[in-house]
PDB file of N, CA and C in Angstrom:
ATOM      1  N   MET A   1      14.824   4.139 -10.414  1.00  0.00           N
ATOM      2  CA  MET A   1      13.410   4.031 -10.673  1.00  0.00           C
ATOM      3  C   MET A   1      12.673   4.020  -9.336  1.00  0.00           C
ATOM      4  N   ARG A   2      11.622   4.781  -9.301  1.00  0.00           N
ATOM      5  CA  ARG A   2      10.822   4.785  -8.078  1.00  0.00           C
ATOM      6  C   ARG A   2       9.519   4.036  -8.332  1.00  0.00           C
ATOM      7  N   PHE A   3       9.150   3.218  -7.346  1.00  0.00           N
ATOM      8  CA  PHE A   3       7.914   2.450  -7.419  1.00  0.00           C
ATOM      9  C   PHE A   3       7.111   2.666  -6.151  1.00  0.00           C
ATOM     10  N   MET A   4       5.798   2.776  -6.303  1.00  0.00           N
ATOM     11  CA  MET A   4       4.901   2.800  -5.158  1.00  0.00           C
ATOM     12  C   MET A   4       4.233   1.436  -5.071  1.00  0.00           C
ATOM     13  N   THR A   5       4.235   0.881  -3.879  1.00  0.00           N
ATOM     14  CA  THR A   5       3.509  -0.360  -3.650  1.00  0.00           C
ATOM     15  C   THR A   5       2.278  -0.030  -2.811  1.00  0.00           C
ATOM     16  N   LEU A   6       1.136  -0.573  -3.221  1.00  0.00           N
ATOM     17  CA  LEU A   6      -0.129  -0.331  -2.540  1.00  0.00           C
ATOM     18  C   LEU A   6      -0.629  -1.656  -1.991  1.00  0.00           C
ATOM     19  N   VAL A   7      -0.815  -1.728  -0.698  1.00  0.00           N
ATOM     20  CA  VAL A   7      -1.307  -2.947  -0.060  1.00  0.00           C
ATOM     21  C   VAL A   7      -2.815  -2.879  -0.038  1.00  0.00           C
ATOM     22  N   LYS A   8      -3.461  -3.899  -0.626  1.00  0.00           N
ATOM     23  CA  LYS A   8      -4.919  -3.912  -0.725  1.00  0.00           C
ATOM     24  C   LYS A   8      -5.477  -5.171  -0.076  1.00  0.00           C
ATOM     25  N   SER A   9      -6.603  -5.002   0.595  1.00  0.00           N
ATOM     26  CA  SER A   9      -7.325  -6.139   1.159  1.00  0.00           C
ATOM     27  C   SER A   9      -8.767  -5.720   1.377  1.00  0.00           C
ATOM     28  N   ALA A  10      -9.594  -6.684   1.738  1.00  0.00           N
ATOM     29  CA  ALA A  10     -10.987  -6.372   2.056  1.00  0.00           C
ATOM     30  C   ALA A  10     -11.028  -5.475   3.287  1.00  0.00           C
ATOM     31  N   GLU A  11     -11.965  -4.566   3.309  1.00  0.00           N
ATOM     32  CA  GLU A  11     -12.108  -3.647   4.449  1.00  0.00           C
ATOM     33  C   GLU A  11     -12.313  -4.413   5.749  1.00  0.00           C
ATOM     34  N   THR A  12     -12.907  -5.600   5.698  1.00  0.00           N
ATOM     35  CA  THR A  12     -13.162  -6.375   6.913  1.00  0.00           C
ATOM     36  C   THR A  12     -11.876  -6.693   7.661  1.00  0.00           C
ATOM     37  N   TRP A  13     -10.750  -6.782   6.948  1.00  0.00           N
ATOM     38  CA  TRP A  13      -9.473  -7.030   7.630  1.00  0.00           C
ATOM     39  C   TRP A  13      -9.023  -5.818   8.426  1.00  0.00           C
ATOM     40  N   ARG A  14      -9.577  -4.645   8.117  1.00  0.00           N
ATOM     41  CA  ARG A  14      -9.192  -3.422   8.822  1.00  0.00           C
ATOM     42  C   ARG A  14     -10.052  -3.203  10.066  1.00  0.00           C
ATOM     43  N   ALA A  15     -11.006  -4.094  10.320  1.00  0.00           N
ATOM     44  CA  ALA A  15     -11.899  -3.937  11.473  1.00  0.00           C
ATOM     45  C   ALA A  15     -11.137  -4.013  12.784  1.00  0.00           C
ATOM     46  N   SER A  16     -10.081  -4.782  12.816  1.00  0.00           N
ATOM     47  CA  SER A  16      -9.242  -4.849  14.009  1.00  0.00           C
ATOM     48  C   SER A  16      -7.804  -4.591  13.574  1.00  0.00           C
ATOM     49  N   PRO A  17      -6.995  -4.070  14.481  1.00  0.00           N
ATOM     50  CA  PRO A  17      -5.621  -3.749  14.093  1.00  0.00           C
ATOM     51  C   PRO A  17      -4.818  -5.010  13.768  1.00  0.00           C
ATOM     52  N   PRO A  18      -3.810  -4.863  12.911  1.00  0.00           N
ATOM     53  CA  PRO A  18      -2.946  -6.005  12.606  1.00  0.00           C
ATOM     54  C   PRO A  18      -2.231  -6.485  13.874  1.00  0.00           C
ATOM     55  N   PRO A  19      -1.813  -7.746  13.907  1.00  0.00           N
ATOM     56  CA  PRO A  19      -1.089  -8.258  15.073  1.00  0.00           C
ATOM     57  C   PRO A  19       0.178  -7.443  15.351  1.00  0.00           C
ATOM     58  N   LYS A  20       0.481  -7.273  16.612  1.00  0.00           N
ATOM     59  CA  LYS A  20       1.663  -6.514  17.040  1.00  0.00           C
ATOM     60  C   LYS A  20       2.933  -7.081  16.409  1.00  0.00           C
ATOM     61  N   GLU A  21       3.017  -8.402  16.320  1.00  0.00           N
ATOM     62  CA  GLU A  21       4.200  -9.047  15.741  1.00  0.00           C
ATOM     63  C   GLU A  21       4.383  -8.659  14.274  1.00  0.00           C
ATOM     64  N   LEU A  22       3.271  -8.506  13.563  1.00  0.00           N
ATOM     65  CA  LEU A  22       3.353  -8.100  12.164  1.00  0.00           C
ATOM     66  C   LEU A  22       3.860  -6.670  12.060  1.00  0.00           C
ATOM     67  N   ILE A  23       3.327  -5.786  12.869  1.00  0.00           N
ATOM     68  CA  ILE A  23       3.760  -4.381  12.843  1.00  0.00           C
ATOM     69  C   ILE A  23       5.258  -4.290  13.140  1.00  0.00           C
ATOM     70  N   GLU A  24       5.720  -5.049  14.129  1.00  0.00           N
ATOM     71  CA  GLU A  24       7.147  -5.046  14.471  1.00  0.00           C
ATOM     72  C   GLU A  24       7.984  -5.592  13.316  1.00  0.00           C
ATOM     73  N   ALA A  25       7.528  -6.656  12.682  1.00  0.00           N
ATOM     74  CA  ALA A  25       8.263  -7.254  11.570  1.00  0.00           C
ATOM     75  C   ALA A  25       8.307  -6.299  10.368  1.00  0.00           C
ATOM     76  N   ILE A  26       7.197  -5.601  10.103  1.00  0.00           N
ATOM     77  CA  ILE A  26       7.184  -4.625   9.012  1.00  0.00           C
ATOM     78  C   ILE A  26       8.149  -3.482   9.321  1.00  0.00           C
ATOM     79  N   GLY A  27       8.195  -3.058  10.587  1.00  0.00           N
ATOM     80  CA  GLY A  27       9.138  -2.023  10.997  1.00  0.00           C
ATOM     81  C   GLY A  27      10.576  -2.441  10.745  1.00  0.00           C
ATOM     82  N   LYS A  28      10.903  -3.689  11.060  1.00  0.00           N
ATOM     83  CA  LYS A  28      12.258  -4.200  10.817  1.00  0.00           C
ATOM     84  C   LYS A  28      12.560  -4.271   9.326  1.00  0.00           C
ATOM     85  N   LEU A  29      11.579  -4.697   8.534  1.00  0.00           N
ATOM     86  CA  LEU A  29      11.774  -4.736   7.086  1.00  0.00           C
ATOM     87  C   LEU A  29      12.008  -3.324   6.551  1.00  0.00           C
ATOM     88  N   GLY A  30      11.271  -2.347   7.074  1.00  0.00           N
ATOM     89  CA  GLY A  30      11.476  -0.956   6.678  1.00  0.00           C
ATOM     90  C   GLY A  30      12.868  -0.463   7.036  1.00  0.00           C
ATOM     91  N   GLU A  31      13.364  -0.847   8.214  1.00  0.00           N
ATOM     92  CA  GLU A  31      14.723  -0.479   8.614  1.00  0.00           C
ATOM     93  C   GLU A  31      15.747  -1.099   7.668  1.00  0.00           C
ATOM     94  N   THR A  32      15.529  -2.366   7.314  1.00  0.00           N
ATOM     95  CA  THR A  32      16.430  -3.052   6.396  1.00  0.00           C
ATOM     96  C   THR A  32      16.448  -2.356   5.041  1.00  0.00           C
ATOM     97  N   ALA A  33      15.261  -2.004   4.541  1.00  0.00           N
ATOM     98  CA  ALA A  33      15.168  -1.333   3.247  1.00  0.00           C
ATOM     99  C   ALA A  33      15.793   0.066   3.300  1.00  0.00           C
ATOM    100  N   THR A  34      15.644   0.750   4.428  1.00  0.00           N
ATOM    101  CA  THR A  34      16.249   2.073   4.585  1.00  0.00           C
ATOM    102  C   THR A  34      17.763   1.956   4.589  1.00  0.00           C
ATOM    103  N   LYS A  35      18.295   0.993   5.346  1.00  0.00           N
ATOM    104  CA  LYS A  35      19.750   0.783   5.391  1.00  0.00           C
ATOM    105  C   LYS A  35      20.290   0.386   4.023  1.00  0.00           C
ATOM    106  N   ALA A  36      19.477  -0.314   3.232  1.00  0.00           N
ATOM    107  CA  ALA A  36      19.881  -0.701   1.876  1.00  0.00           C
ATOM    108  C   ALA A  36      19.799   0.474   0.905  1.00  0.00           C
ATOM    109  N   GLY A  37      19.218   1.585   1.357  1.00  0.00           N
ATOM    110  CA  GLY A  37      19.128   2.783   0.529  1.00  0.00           C
ATOM    111  C   GLY A  37      18.001   2.775  -0.483  1.00  0.00           C
ATOM    112  N   VAL A  38      17.006   1.906  -0.280  1.00  0.00           N
ATOM    113  CA  VAL A  38      15.919   1.815  -1.261  1.00  0.00           C
ATOM    114  C   VAL A  38      14.570   2.312  -0.751  1.00  0.00           C
ATOM    115  N   MET A  39      14.402   2.452   0.562  1.00  0.00           N
ATOM    116  CA  MET A  39      13.121   2.895   1.120  1.00  0.00           C
ATOM    117  C   MET A  39      13.044   4.410   1.095  1.00  0.00           C
ATOM    118  N   VAL A  40      12.002   4.931   0.446  1.00  0.00           N
ATOM    119  CA  VAL A  40      11.752   6.371   0.417  1.00  0.00           C
ATOM    120  C   VAL A  40      10.762   6.734   1.522  1.00  0.00           C
ATOM    121  N   ASP A  41       9.650   5.991   1.597  1.00  0.00           N
ATOM    122  CA  ASP A  41       8.623   6.254   2.604  1.00  0.00           C
ATOM    123  C   ASP A  41       7.713   5.040   2.692  1.00  0.00           C
ATOM    124  N   MET A  42       7.085   4.846   3.842  1.00  0.00           N
ATOM    125  CA  MET A  42       6.106   3.773   4.004  1.00  0.00           C
ATOM    126  C   MET A  42       5.136   4.144   5.103  1.00  0.00           C
ATOM    127  N   GLY A  43       3.942   3.555   5.070  1.00  0.00           N
ATOM    128  CA  GLY A  43       2.980   3.820   6.120  1.00  0.00           C
ATOM    129  C   GLY A  43       1.706   3.017   5.937  1.00  0.00           C
ATOM    130  N   GLY A  44       0.998   2.866   7.032  1.00  0.00           N
ATOM    131  CA  GLY A  44      -0.308   2.223   7.017  1.00  0.00           C
ATOM    132  C   GLY A  44      -1.385   3.289   6.980  1.00  0.00           C
ATOM    133  N   LEU A  45      -2.552   2.905   6.510  1.00  0.00           N
ATOM    134  CA  LEU A  45      -3.664   3.845   6.402  1.00  0.00           C
ATOM    135  C   LEU A  45      -4.793   3.445   7.341  1.00  0.00           C
ATOM    136  N   ALA A  46      -5.475   4.449   7.882  1.00  0.00           N
ATOM    137  CA  ALA A  46      -6.632   4.211   8.740  1.00  0.00           C
ATOM    138  C   ALA A  46      -7.764   3.612   7.900  1.00  0.00           C
ATOM    139  N   PRO A  47      -8.739   2.970   8.536  1.00  0.00           N
ATOM    140  CA  PRO A  47      -9.890   2.427   7.795  1.00  0.00           C
ATOM    141  C   PRO A  47     -10.595   3.519   6.992  1.00  0.00           C
ATOM    142  N   SER A  48     -11.290   3.093   5.938  1.00  0.00           N
ATOM    143  CA  SER A  48     -11.944   4.065   5.053  1.00  0.00           C
ATOM    144  C   SER A  48     -13.015   4.883   5.771  1.00  0.00           C
ATOM    145  N   ALA A  49     -13.522   4.413   6.898  1.00  0.00           N
ATOM    146  CA  ALA A  49     -14.515   5.178   7.662  1.00  0.00           C
ATOM    147  C   ALA A  49     -13.963   6.536   8.082  1.00  0.00           C
ATOM    148  N   ALA A  50     -12.647   6.650   8.194  1.00  0.00           N
ATOM    149  CA  ALA A  50     -12.025   7.908   8.589  1.00  0.00           C
ATOM    150  C   ALA A  50     -11.677   8.782   7.389  1.00  0.00           C
ATOM    151  N   GLY A  51     -11.997   8.313   6.182  1.00  0.00           N
ATOM    152  CA  GLY A  51     -11.605   9.024   4.974  1.00  0.00           C
ATOM    153  C   GLY A  51     -12.760   9.653   4.228  1.00  0.00           C
ATOM    154  N   ALA A  52     -12.457  10.150   3.056  1.00  0.00           N
ATOM    155  CA  ALA A  52     -13.445  10.748   2.160  1.00  0.00           C
ATOM    156  C   ALA A  52     -12.971  10.528   0.728  1.00  0.00           C
ATOM    157  N   ARG A  53     -13.910  10.624  -0.201  1.00  0.00           N
ATOM    158  CA  ARG A  53     -13.608  10.566  -1.634  1.00  0.00           C
ATOM    159  C   ARG A  53     -14.109  11.834  -2.283  1.00  0.00           C
ATOM    160  N   VAL A  54     -13.295  12.404  -3.137  1.00  0.00           N
ATOM    161  CA  VAL A  54     -13.694  13.558  -3.931  1.00  0.00           C
ATOM    162  C   VAL A  54     -13.732  13.076  -5.371  1.00  0.00           C
ATOM    163  N   THR A  55     -14.900  13.170  -5.996  1.00  0.00           N
ATOM    164  CA  THR A  55     -15.071  12.653  -7.355  1.00  0.00           C
ATOM    165  C   THR A  55     -15.510  13.753  -8.311  1.00  0.00           C
ATOM    166  N   LEU A  56     -15.158  13.560  -9.577  1.00  0.00           N
ATOM    167  CA  LEU A  56     -15.579  14.451 -10.645  1.00  0.00           C
ATOM    168  C   LEU A  56     -16.368  13.610 -11.630  1.00  0.00           C
ATOM    169  N   SER A  57     -17.623  13.959 -11.843  1.00  0.00           N
ATOM    170  CA  SER A  57     -18.474  13.199 -12.768  1.00  0.00           C
ATOM    171  C   SER A  57     -18.308  13.730 -14.184  1.00  0.00           C
ATOM    172  N   GLY A  58     -18.809  12.925 -15.141  1.00  0.00           N
ATOM    173  CA  GLY A  58     -18.757  13.326 -16.538  1.00  0.00           C
ATOM    174  C   GLY A  58     -19.488  14.625 -16.808  1.00  0.00           C
ATOM    175  N   GLY A  59     -20.452  14.957 -15.959  1.00  0.00           N
ATOM    176  CA  GLY A  59     -21.200  16.197 -16.110  1.00  0.00           C
ATOM    177  C   GLY A  59     -20.499  17.399 -15.512  1.00  0.00           C
ATOM    178  N   GLY A  60     -19.323  17.205 -14.967  1.00  0.00           N
ATOM    179  CA  GLY A  60     -18.558  18.312 -14.407  1.00  0.00           C
ATOM    180  C   GLY A  60     -18.840  18.607 -12.950  1.00  0.00           C
ATOM    181  N   LYS A  61     -19.587  17.731 -12.268  1.00  0.00           N
ATOM    182  CA  LYS A  61     -19.918  17.961 -10.861  1.00  0.00           C
ATOM    183  C   LYS A  61     -18.844  17.339  -9.963  1.00  0.00           C
ATOM    184  N   VAL A  62     -18.369  18.127  -9.005  1.00  0.00           N
ATOM    185  CA  VAL A  62     -17.424  17.635  -7.999  1.00  0.00           C
ATOM    186  C   VAL A  62     -18.231  17.293  -6.746  1.00  0.00           C
ATOM    187  N   ALA A  63     -18.047  16.084  -6.234  1.00  0.00           N
ATOM    188  CA  ALA A  63     -18.792  15.646  -5.048  1.00  0.00           C
ATOM    189  C   ALA A  63     -17.826  15.085  -4.014  1.00  0.00           C
ATOM    190  N   VAL A  64     -18.202  15.234  -2.755  1.00  0.00           N
ATOM    191  CA  VAL A  64     -17.425  14.690  -1.644  1.00  0.00           C
ATOM    192  C   VAL A  64     -18.285  13.664  -0.926  1.00  0.00           C
ATOM    193  N   ASN A  65     -17.743  12.467  -0.726  1.00  0.00           N
ATOM    194  CA  ASN A  65     -18.443  11.413   0.006  1.00  0.00           C
ATOM    195  C   ASN A  65     -17.551  10.938   1.146  1.00  0.00           C
ATOM    196  N   ASP A  66     -18.106  10.937   2.342  1.00  0.00           N
ATOM    197  CA  ASP A  66     -17.366  10.438   3.494  1.00  0.00           C
ATOM    198  C   ASP A  66     -17.364   8.921   3.506  1.00  0.00           C
ATOM    199  N   GLY A  67     -16.303   8.334   4.084  1.00  0.00           N
ATOM    200  CA  GLY A  67     -16.232   6.885   4.248  1.00  0.00           C
ATOM    201  C   GLY A  67     -17.208   6.453   5.315  1.00  0.00           C
ATOM    202  N   PRO A  68     -17.425   5.186   5.513  1.00  0.00           N
ATOM    203  CA  PRO A  68     -16.695   4.094   4.870  1.00  0.00           C
ATOM    204  C   PRO A  68     -17.185   3.856   3.450  1.00  0.00           C
ATOM    205  N   PHE A  69     -16.357   3.186   2.676  1.00  0.00           N
ATOM    206  CA  PHE A  69     -16.657   2.913   1.279  1.00  0.00           C
ATOM    207  C   PHE A  69     -17.148   1.475   1.161  1.00  0.00           C
ATOM    208  N   THR A  70     -18.376   1.258   1.556  1.00  0.00           N
ATOM    209  CA  THR A  70     -18.934  -0.093   1.648  1.00  0.00           C
ATOM    210  C   THR A  70     -19.048  -0.785   0.303  1.00  0.00           C
ATOM    211  N   GLU A  71     -19.135  -0.025  -0.782  1.00  0.00           N
ATOM    212  CA  GLU A  71     -19.265  -0.642  -2.097  1.00  0.00           C
ATOM    213  C   GLU A  71     -17.932  -1.181  -2.612  1.00  0.00           C
ATOM    214  N   ALA A  72     -16.829  -0.789  -1.993  1.00  0.00           N
ATOM    215  CA  ALA A  72     -15.510  -1.239  -2.440  1.00  0.00           C
ATOM    216  C   ALA A  72     -15.260  -2.680  -1.992  1.00  0.00           C
ATOM    217  N   LYS A  73     -14.783  -3.495  -2.922  1.00  0.00           N
ATOM    218  CA  LYS A  73     -14.450  -4.877  -2.575  1.00  0.00           C
ATOM    219  C   LYS A  73     -13.145  -4.934  -1.797  1.00  0.00           C
ATOM    220  N   GLU A  74     -12.248  -4.011  -2.089  1.00  0.00           N
ATOM    221  CA  GLU A  74     -10.996  -3.932  -1.354  1.00  0.00           C
ATOM    222  C   GLU A  74     -10.577  -2.475  -1.255  1.00  0.00           C
ATOM    223  N   VAL A  75      -9.777  -2.183  -0.254  1.00  0.00           N
ATOM    224  CA  VAL A  75      -9.292  -0.829  -0.038  1.00  0.00           C
ATOM    225  C   VAL A  75      -7.781  -0.865   0.150  1.00  0.00           C
ATOM    226  N   VAL A  76      -7.158   0.270  -0.065  1.00  0.00           N
ATOM    227  CA  VAL A  76      -5.725   0.391   0.172  1.00  0.00           C
ATOM    228  C   VAL A  76      -5.520   0.545   1.674  1.00  0.00           C
ATOM    229  N   GLY A  77      -4.700  -0.330   2.247  1.00  0.00           N
ATOM    230  CA  GLY A  77      -4.449  -0.297   3.682  1.00  0.00           C
ATOM    231  C   GLY A  77      -3.076   0.231   4.045  1.00  0.00           C
ATOM    232  N   GLY A  78      -2.208   0.385   3.060  1.00  0.00           N
ATOM    233  CA  GLY A  78      -0.869   0.886   3.319  1.00  0.00           C
ATOM    234  C   GLY A  78      -0.124   1.082   2.015  1.00  0.00           C
ATOM    235  N   TYR A  79       1.066   1.658   2.129  1.00  0.00           N
ATOM    236  CA  TYR A  79       1.858   1.951   0.943  1.00  0.00           C
ATOM    237  C   TYR A  79       3.337   1.959   1.293  1.00  0.00           C
ATOM    238  N   ALA A  80       4.156   1.857   0.292  1.00  0.00           N
ATOM    239  CA  ALA A  80       5.591   2.080   0.431  1.00  0.00           C
ATOM    240  C   ALA A  80       6.084   2.642  -0.896  1.00  0.00           C
ATOM    241  N   ILE A  81       7.106   3.479  -0.815  1.00  0.00           N
ATOM    242  CA  ILE A  81       7.750   3.995  -2.017  1.00  0.00           C
ATOM    243  C   ILE A  81       9.205   3.553  -1.965  1.00  0.00           C
ATOM    244  N   PHE A  82       9.620   2.876  -3.025  1.00  0.00           N
ATOM    245  CA  PHE A  82      10.981   2.368  -3.135  1.00  0.00           C
ATOM    246  C   PHE A  82      11.715   3.058  -4.269  1.00  0.00           C
ATOM    247  N   ASN A  83      13.001   3.283  -4.084  1.00  0.00           N
ATOM    248  CA  ASN A  83      13.875   3.777  -5.135  1.00  0.00           C
ATOM    249  C   ASN A  83      14.843   2.634  -5.439  1.00  0.00           C
ATOM    250  N   VAL A  84      14.527   1.872  -6.474  1.00  0.00           N
ATOM    251  CA  VAL A  84      15.259   0.645  -6.784  1.00  0.00           C
ATOM    252  C   VAL A  84      15.753   0.671  -8.230  1.00  0.00           C
ATOM    253  N   LYS A  85      16.540  -0.328  -8.585  1.00  0.00           N
ATOM    254  CA  LYS A  85      17.123  -0.396  -9.926  1.00  0.00           C
ATOM    255  C   LYS A  85      16.180  -0.964 -10.971  1.00  0.00           C
ATOM    256  N   SER A  86      15.154  -1.718 -10.522  1.00  0.00           N
ATOM    257  CA  SER A  86      14.278  -2.377 -11.489  1.00  0.00           C
ATOM    258  C   SER A  86      12.936  -2.714 -10.859  1.00  0.00           C
ATOM    259  N   LYS A  87      11.964  -3.018 -11.725  1.00  0.00           N
ATOM    260  CA  LYS A  87      10.670  -3.489 -11.240  1.00  0.00           C
ATOM    261  C   LYS A  87      10.840  -4.802 -10.491  1.00  0.00           C
ATOM    262  N   GLN A  88      11.748  -5.652 -10.959  1.00  0.00           N
ATOM    263  CA  GLN A  88      11.982  -6.930 -10.292  1.00  0.00           C
ATOM    264  C   GLN A  88      12.413  -6.727  -8.840  1.00  0.00           C
ATOM    265  N   GLU A  89      13.232  -5.729  -8.576  1.00  0.00           N
ATOM    266  CA  GLU A  89      13.657  -5.454  -7.205  1.00  0.00           C
ATOM    267  C   GLU A  89      12.468  -4.998  -6.351  1.00  0.00           C
ATOM    268  N   ALA A  90      11.569  -4.199  -6.921  1.00  0.00           N
ATOM    269  CA  ALA A  90      10.354  -3.790  -6.201  1.00  0.00           C
ATOM    270  C   ALA A  90       9.489  -5.011  -5.893  1.00  0.00           C
ATOM    271  N   ILE A  91       9.415  -5.934  -6.846  1.00  0.00           N
ATOM    272  CA  ILE A  91       8.659  -7.174  -6.636  1.00  0.00           C
ATOM    273  C   ILE A  91       9.277  -7.973  -5.487  1.00  0.00           C
ATOM    274  N   GLU A  92      10.591  -8.066  -5.452  1.00  0.00           N
ATOM    275  CA  GLU A  92      11.265  -8.834  -4.394  1.00  0.00           C
ATOM    276  C   GLU A  92      10.985  -8.252  -3.013  1.00  0.00           C
ATOM    277  N   TRP A  93      11.011  -6.926  -2.875  1.00  0.00           N
ATOM    278  CA  TRP A  93      10.688  -6.305  -1.587  1.00  0.00           C
ATOM    279  C   TRP A  93       9.225  -6.576  -1.218  1.00  0.00           C
ATOM    280  N   SER A  94       8.347  -6.557  -2.201  1.00  0.00           N
ATOM    281  CA  SER A  94       6.920  -6.814  -1.950  1.00  0.00           C
ATOM    282  C   SER A  94       6.680  -8.254  -1.521  1.00  0.00           C
ATOM    283  N   ILE A  95       7.416  -9.182  -2.098  1.00  0.00           N
ATOM    284  CA  ILE A  95       7.303 -10.586  -1.672  1.00  0.00           C
ATOM    285  C   ILE A  95       7.735 -10.724  -0.227  1.00  0.00           C
ATOM    286  N   ARG A  96       8.805 -10.076   0.154  1.00  0.00           N
ATOM    287  CA  ARG A  96       9.255 -10.123   1.557  1.00  0.00           C
ATOM    288  C   ARG A  96       8.167  -9.594   2.490  1.00  0.00           C
ATOM    289  N   PHE A  97       7.525  -8.505   2.076  1.00  0.00           N
ATOM    290  CA  PHE A  97       6.440  -7.906   2.851  1.00  0.00           C
ATOM    291  C   PHE A  97       5.276  -8.883   3.005  1.00  0.00           C
ATOM    292  N   MET A  98       4.894  -9.524   1.908  1.00  0.00           N
ATOM    293  CA  MET A  98       3.766 -10.462   1.956  1.00  0.00           C
ATOM    294  C   MET A  98       4.112 -11.708   2.777  1.00  0.00           C
ATOM    295  N   GLU A  99       5.344 -12.134   2.740  1.00  0.00           N
ATOM    296  CA  GLU A  99       5.773 -13.273   3.565  1.00  0.00           C
ATOM    297  C   GLU A  99       5.581 -12.955   5.055  1.00  0.00           C
ATOM    298  N   LEU A 100       5.791 -11.711   5.449  1.00  0.00           N
ATOM    299  CA  LEU A 100       5.565 -11.316   6.847  1.00  0.00           C
ATOM    300  C   LEU A 100       4.090 -11.454   7.207  1.00  0.00           C
ATOM    301  N   HIS A 101       3.198 -11.086   6.290  1.00  0.00           N
ATOM    302  CA  HIS A 101       1.764 -11.252   6.538  1.00  0.00           C
ATOM    303  C   HIS A 101       1.417 -12.730   6.688  1.00  0.00           C
ATOM    304  N   LYS A 102       1.974 -13.551   5.822  1.00  0.00           N
ATOM    305  CA  LYS A 102       1.710 -14.993   5.883  1.00  0.00           C
ATOM    306  C   LYS A 102       2.167 -15.566   7.227  1.00  0.00           C
ATOM    307  N   GLN A 103       3.291 -15.092   7.705  1.00  0.00           N
ATOM    308  CA  GLN A 103       3.854 -15.602   8.960  1.00  0.00           C
ATOM    309  C   GLN A 103       3.117 -15.079  10.199  1.00  0.00           C
ATOM    310  N   HIS A 104       2.739 -13.807  10.196  1.00  0.00           N
ATOM    311  CA  HIS A 104       2.252 -13.169  11.425  1.00  0.00           C
ATOM    312  C   HIS A 104       0.750 -12.893  11.462  1.00  0.00           C
ATOM    313  N   TRP A 105       0.033 -13.043  10.355  1.00  0.00           N
ATOM    314  CA  TRP A 105      -1.404 -12.762  10.348  1.00  0.00           C
ATOM    315  C   TRP A 105      -2.103 -13.888   9.595  1.00  0.00           C
ATOM    316  N   LYS A 106      -2.234 -14.996  10.270  1.00  0.00           N
ATOM    317  CA  LYS A 106      -2.797 -16.207   9.670  1.00  0.00           C
ATOM    318  C   LYS A 106      -4.166 -15.924   9.054  1.00  0.00           C
ATOM    319  N   GLY A 107      -4.364 -16.402   7.832  1.00  0.00           N
ATOM    320  CA  GLY A 107      -5.637 -16.248   7.148  1.00  0.00           C
ATOM    321  C   GLY A 107      -5.816 -14.943   6.402  1.00  0.00           C
ATOM    322  N   TRP A 108      -4.936 -13.964   6.627  1.00  0.00           N
ATOM    323  CA  TRP A 108      -5.067 -12.680   5.932  1.00  0.00           C
ATOM    324  C   TRP A 108      -4.930 -12.895   4.439  1.00  0.00           C
ATOM    325  N   GLU A 109      -5.757 -12.202   3.681  1.00  0.00           N
ATOM    326  CA  GLU A 109      -5.682 -12.248   2.221  1.00  0.00           C
ATOM    327  C   GLU A 109      -5.620 -10.835   1.679  1.00  0.00           C
ATOM    328  N   GLY A 110      -4.766 -10.645   0.714  1.00  0.00           N
ATOM    329  CA  GLY A 110      -4.652  -9.332   0.097  1.00  0.00           C
ATOM    330  C   GLY A 110      -3.650  -9.369  -1.026  1.00  0.00           C
ATOM    331  N   GLU A 111      -3.294  -8.188  -1.493  1.00  0.00           N
ATOM    332  CA  GLU A 111      -2.341  -8.091  -2.593  1.00  0.00           C
ATOM    333  C   GLU A 111      -1.529  -6.821  -2.454  1.00  0.00           C
ATOM    334  N   VAL A 112      -0.393  -6.822  -3.127  1.00  0.00           N
ATOM    335  CA  VAL A 112       0.410  -5.615  -3.256  1.00  0.00           C
ATOM    336  C   VAL A 112       0.440  -5.256  -4.735  1.00  0.00           C
ATOM    337  N   GLU A 113      -0.047  -4.081  -5.043  1.00  0.00           N
ATOM    338  CA  GLU A 113       0.031  -3.568  -6.405  1.00  0.00           C
ATOM    339  C   GLU A 113       1.292  -2.720  -6.511  1.00  0.00           C
ATOM    340  N   ILE A 114       2.063  -2.930  -7.558  1.00  0.00           N
ATOM    341  CA  ILE A 114       3.325  -2.223  -7.750  1.00  0.00           C
ATOM    342  C   ILE A 114       3.186  -1.319  -8.971  1.00  0.00           C
ATOM    343  N   ARG A 115       3.416  -0.024  -8.760  1.00  0.00           N
ATOM    344  CA  ARG A 115       3.273   0.942  -9.846  1.00  0.00           C
ATOM    345  C   ARG A 115       4.499   1.842  -9.897  1.00  0.00           C
ATOM    346  N   GLN A 116       5.065   2.003 -11.081  1.00  0.00           N
ATOM    347  CA  GLN A 116       6.199   2.901 -11.236  1.00  0.00           C
ATOM    348  C   GLN A 116       5.721   4.343 -11.160  1.00  0.00           C
ATOM    349  N   LEU A 117       6.464   5.178 -10.448  1.00  0.00           N
ATOM    350  CA  LEU A 117       6.150   6.603 -10.369  1.00  0.00           C
ATOM    351  C   LEU A 117       6.666   7.289 -11.624  1.00  0.00           C
ATOM    352  N   MET A 118       5.889   8.194 -12.127  1.00  0.00           N
ATOM    353  CA  MET A 118       6.293   8.941 -13.321  1.00  0.00           C
ATOM    354  C   MET A 118       7.239  10.053 -12.885  1.00  0.00           C
ATOM    355  N   ASP A 119       8.489   9.959 -13.328  1.00  0.00           N
ATOM    356  CA  ASP A 119       9.493  10.969 -12.986  1.00  0.00           C
ATOM    357  C   ASP A 119       9.732  11.928 -14.141  1.00  0.00           C
ATOM    358  N   GLY A 120       8.835  11.919 -15.095  1.00  0.00           N
ATOM    359  CA  GLY A 120       8.958  12.769 -16.272  1.00  0.00           C
ATOM    360  C   GLY A 120       7.875  12.373 -17.250  1.00  0.00           C
ATOM    361  N   PRO A 121       8.061  12.714 -18.511  1.00  0.00           N
ATOM    362  CA  PRO A 121       7.082  12.307 -19.527  1.00  0.00           C
ATOM    363  C   PRO A 121       6.928  10.790 -19.535  1.00  0.00           C
ATOM    364  N   PRO A 122       5.726  10.271 -19.888  1.00  0.00           N
ATOM    365  CA  PRO A 122       5.472   8.833 -19.844  1.00  0.00           C
ATOM    366  C   PRO A 122       6.511   7.977 -20.560  1.00  0.00           C
ATOM    367  N   ASP A 123       7.120   8.464 -21.620  1.00  0.00           N
ATOM    368  CA  ASP A 123       8.111   7.656 -22.335  1.00  0.00           C
ATOM    369  C   ASP A 123       9.466   7.620 -21.637  1.00  0.00           C
ATOM    370  N   GLN A 124       9.607   8.363 -20.521  1.00  0.00           N
ATOM    371  CA  GLN A 124      10.877   8.385 -19.791  1.00  0.00           C
ATOM    372  C   GLN A 124      10.777   7.682 -18.442  1.00  0.00           C
ATOM    373  N   CYS A 125       9.701   6.992 -18.178  1.00  0.00           N
ATOM    374  CA  CYS A 125       9.524   6.314 -16.887  1.00  0.00           C
ATOM    375  C   CYS A 125      10.308   5.020 -16.862  1.00  0.00           C
TER     376      CYS A 125
END
């Protein structure tokens, strides 16, 4: 089963880069997950000011809006894709990730959303 984890926090946390110790610890966790054979890919995302949104309205209009996305309460700051045996295993890796934030970035608040990737029809996920 493949799961994508999305790290979300307020955009204000992206105003300055994460602590170097956190980046190093996340790198080590990624190495551990890779050696365990469960890490597919991972990465951090630039602030929304460097991005854009492409939307489709109910009227059929496609629009492009450049960041930053000031109306958003939280933004995705990073992701990881795991190939694991269960949702519980994806949760366990996400807890390890969040523990690193607690240890290395005092006061940081956010969440990890865990979503299974569709590898076929919805009833086969």
